[in-house]
Amino acid sequence: MAVTVFAGAVALTRPPGPSQRDATRSVSIDVTGFPRGPLAGEPAPDMSVALFDGSRFVMSEYRSTDGRPLVLNLWASWCGPCRVEIPEFSRVAEENPQVAFLGVAVADAPGPAETFAAEVGASYPLGMDDSLSVTDNYPFMGLPVTYLIGADGSITRQVNGQISGETLKAFIHHDFGT
């Protein structure tokens, strides 16, 4: 029996061969049954955020001038999963220019948030919830939290917790039809 267990352990720990790696890449994620969150279907509340580049993001202005769906990611400098998630979201943002991305530091201090933003180097705008308009209007119990907002300005989904780039792409494809 020890030989069988050992042989099984070797087989389970062997790196995947080329055909196994290719199969892993082609796996699609079905997000159809994933919960949409309490604000799904509601208009995205207005908010005003100080971006780290010195400009401001105002949701009502964005909706009247841009027209793309928006991925709104709430994060904080002290959030370990956020450090993993933001670089993955950056890659997804680069691959999906038809979707806008915005990262907002909540429950954080400006200095640490700006330092964190510089360290992770997102490909999309990052800012700080300086007016508390995000905290007051976009509920969260922990971080990170991601809101998907359709081109029509309605919230299509709230995702609590860290998600992979692949899962985010599946949500974008499912919710925005891209």
Protein backbone atom coordinates (compact mmCIF):
# COMPACT_ATOMS: atom_id res chain seq x y z
CA MET A 1 0.00 0.00 0.00
CA ALA A 2 2.86 2.39 0.73
CA VAL A 3 4.11 1.97 -2.81
CA THR A 4 0.68 2.80 -4.22
CA VAL A 5 0.39 5.94 -2.09
CA PHE A 6 3.92 7.00 -3.03
CA ALA A 7 3.28 6.44 -6.72
CA GLY A 8 0.05 8.41 -6.44
CA ALA A 9 1.85 11.24 -4.71
CA VAL A 10 4.44 11.38 -7.46
CA ALA A 11 1.75 11.47 -10.12
CA LEU A 12 -0.13 14.25 -8.32
CA THR A 13 2.91 16.44 -7.85
CA ARG A 14 4.33 16.03 -11.35
CA PRO A 15 4.17 19.30 -13.32
CA PRO A 16 1.45 19.33 -15.98
CA GLY A 17 2.50 18.31 -19.47
CA PRO A 18 1.91 20.52 -22.52
CA SER A 19 -1.59 19.18 -23.17
CA GLN A 20 -2.60 19.77 -19.53
CA ARG A 21 -1.27 23.34 -19.60
CA ASP A 22 -3.20 24.12 -22.80
CA ALA A 23 -6.40 22.68 -21.31
CA THR A 24 -6.00 24.91 -18.24
CA ARG A 25 -5.70 28.03 -20.39
CA SER A 26 -8.89 27.30 -22.30
CA VAL A 27 -11.07 26.78 -19.22
CA SER A 28 -13.82 29.38 -19.11
CA ILE A 29 -15.41 30.57 -15.89
CA ASP A 30 -19.20 30.46 -15.69
CA VAL A 31 -20.39 33.40 -13.60
CA THR A 32 -24.06 33.11 -14.55
CA GLY A 33 -25.18 32.01 -11.08
CA PHE A 34 -22.82 34.25 -9.13
CA PRO A 35 -24.70 36.63 -6.77
CA ARG A 36 -25.13 40.14 -8.14
CA GLY A 37 -25.33 42.01 -4.83
CA PRO A 38 -27.92 44.23 -3.15
CA LEU A 39 -27.50 47.24 -5.47
CA ALA A 40 -27.73 45.29 -8.75
CA GLY A 41 -30.12 47.00 -11.12
CA GLU A 42 -29.96 50.29 -9.21
CA PRO A 43 -28.43 53.45 -10.70
CA ALA A 44 -24.82 53.87 -9.60
CA PRO A 45 -24.81 56.57 -6.90
CA ASP A 46 -22.94 59.76 -7.68
CA MET A 47 -19.51 60.12 -6.14
CA SER A 48 -16.53 62.43 -6.29
CA VAL A 49 -13.01 61.06 -5.87
CA ALA A 50 -9.64 62.83 -5.72
CA LEU A 51 -7.38 61.01 -8.19
CA PHE A 52 -3.69 60.72 -7.41
CA ASP A 53 -2.82 62.48 -10.68
CA GLY A 54 -4.41 65.67 -9.25
CA SER A 55 -7.71 65.47 -11.15
CA ARG A 56 -11.16 64.41 -9.92
CA PHE A 57 -13.48 61.65 -10.97
CA VAL A 58 -17.15 62.55 -10.64
CA MET A 59 -19.55 59.75 -11.55
CA SER A 60 -22.27 62.02 -12.99
CA GLU A 61 -19.72 63.76 -15.25
CA TYR A 62 -18.25 60.42 -16.30
CA ARG A 63 -21.66 59.04 -17.30
CA SER A 64 -22.44 62.11 -19.42
CA THR A 65 -19.07 62.21 -21.19
CA ASP A 66 -17.58 58.70 -21.48
CA GLY A 67 -20.28 56.11 -22.01
CA ARG A 68 -18.22 53.00 -21.31
CA PRO A 69 -19.03 50.44 -18.64
CA LEU A 70 -16.99 50.95 -15.48
CA VAL A 71 -15.19 48.59 -13.11
CA LEU A 72 -15.01 50.31 -9.72
CA ASN A 73 -12.59 48.64 -7.33
CA LEU A 74 -12.46 49.63 -3.65
CA TRP A 75 -9.14 48.97 -1.90
CA ALA A 76 -6.85 50.10 0.91
CA SER A 77 -3.10 50.23 1.44
CA TRP A 78 -3.33 47.83 4.40
CA CYS A 79 -5.26 45.23 2.35
CA GLY A 80 -3.08 42.27 1.36
CA PRO A 81 -5.50 40.86 -1.24
CA CYS A 82 -5.70 44.32 -2.85
CA ARG A 83 -1.95 44.19 -3.51
CA VAL A 84 -2.50 40.98 -5.51
CA GLU A 85 -5.71 42.07 -7.22
CA ILE A 86 -4.72 45.49 -8.60
CA PRO A 87 -1.92 44.21 -10.91
CA GLU A 88 -4.31 41.58 -12.28
CA PHE A 89 -6.99 44.22 -12.83
CA SER A 90 -4.36 46.33 -14.62
CA ARG A 91 -3.77 43.56 -17.15
CA VAL A 92 -7.52 43.13 -17.67
CA ALA A 93 -7.91 46.91 -18.13
CA GLU A 94 -5.20 46.92 -20.80
CA GLU A 95 -6.90 44.01 -22.61
CA ASN A 96 -10.36 45.66 -22.45
CA PRO A 97 -10.12 49.33 -23.48
CA GLN A 98 -13.88 49.31 -24.13
CA VAL A 99 -14.32 49.20 -20.32
CA ALA A 100 -13.13 51.95 -17.95
CA PHE A 101 -11.49 51.11 -14.61
CA LEU A 102 -11.24 53.15 -11.44
CA GLY A 103 -9.63 52.17 -8.14
CA VAL A 104 -10.62 54.04 -4.98
CA ALA A 105 -8.89 53.84 -1.61
CA VAL A 106 -11.46 53.70 1.20
CA ALA A 107 -10.96 53.43 4.96
CA ASP A 108 -7.37 54.57 4.45
CA ALA A 109 -5.09 57.56 5.00
CA PRO A 110 -3.88 59.64 2.03
CA GLY A 111 -0.14 59.12 2.56
CA PRO A 112 -0.17 55.31 2.76
CA ALA A 113 -2.76 55.12 -0.05
CA GLU A 114 -0.60 57.22 -2.40
CA THR A 115 2.51 55.19 -1.54
CA PHE A 116 0.62 51.95 -2.16
CA ALA A 117 -0.70 53.27 -5.49
CA ALA A 118 2.83 54.15 -6.61
CA GLU A 119 4.10 50.70 -5.59
CA VAL A 120 1.43 48.70 -7.44
CA GLY A 121 1.56 50.90 -10.54
CA ALA A 122 -1.97 50.39 -11.88
CA SER A 123 -2.65 50.99 -15.56
CA TYR A 124 -5.89 52.77 -14.66
CA PRO A 125 -6.68 55.78 -12.43
CA LEU A 126 -6.43 55.36 -8.67
CA GLY A 127 -7.69 57.82 -6.13
CA MET A 128 -8.86 58.48 -2.60
CA ASP A 129 -12.37 58.72 -1.21
CA ASP A 130 -11.63 62.17 0.23
CA SER A 131 -15.28 63.26 0.36
CA LEU A 132 -16.58 59.91 1.71
CA SER A 133 -19.05 59.82 -1.19
CA VAL A 134 -17.89 56.28 -2.06
CA THR A 135 -17.97 55.04 1.54
CA ASP A 136 -21.43 56.54 2.05
CA ASN A 137 -22.94 55.19 -1.20
CA TYR A 138 -21.17 51.92 -2.04
CA PRO A 139 -21.53 49.48 0.86
CA PHE A 140 -18.70 47.15 1.81
CA MET A 141 -17.95 44.97 4.81
CA GLY A 142 -14.38 44.15 3.86
CA LEU A 143 -11.89 44.84 1.11
CA PRO A 144 -11.42 44.52 -1.75
CA VAL A 145 -14.86 45.06 -3.27
CA THR A 146 -15.55 45.45 -6.97
CA TYR A 147 -18.62 47.05 -8.54
CA LEU A 148 -19.43 46.57 -12.21
CA ILE A 149 -21.42 49.48 -13.60
CA GLY A 150 -23.03 49.24 -17.04
CA ALA A 151 -22.83 51.85 -19.77
CA ASP A 152 -26.37 52.86 -18.82
CA GLY A 153 -25.14 53.80 -15.33
CA SER A 154 -26.73 50.92 -13.46
CA ILE A 155 -24.86 48.58 -11.15
CA THR A 156 -24.73 45.11 -12.65
CA ARG A 157 -22.76 43.40 -9.90
CA GLN A 158 -20.98 43.77 -6.55
CA VAL A 159 -18.19 41.28 -5.88
CA ASN A 160 -16.95 41.06 -2.29
CA GLY A 161 -13.40 39.84 -1.80
CA GLN A 162 -10.41 39.25 -4.03
CA ILE A 163 -11.05 37.98 -7.55
CA SER A 164 -8.61 36.85 -10.22
CA GLY A 165 -8.10 38.58 -13.52
CA GLU A 166 -9.71 35.60 -15.27
CA THR A 167 -12.81 35.86 -13.11
CA LEU A 168 -13.00 39.61 -13.70
CA LYS A 169 -12.81 39.00 -17.46
CA ALA A 170 -15.68 36.50 -17.15
CA PHE A 171 -17.78 39.08 -15.25
CA ILE A 172 -17.01 41.75 -17.88
CA HIS A 173 -17.93 39.42 -20.72
CA HIS A 174 -21.13 38.25 -18.99
CA ASP A 175 -22.34 41.61 -17.64
CA PHE A 176 -21.19 43.92 -20.44
CA GLY A 177 -21.35 41.55 -23.41
CA THR A 178 -17.79 42.35 -24.49
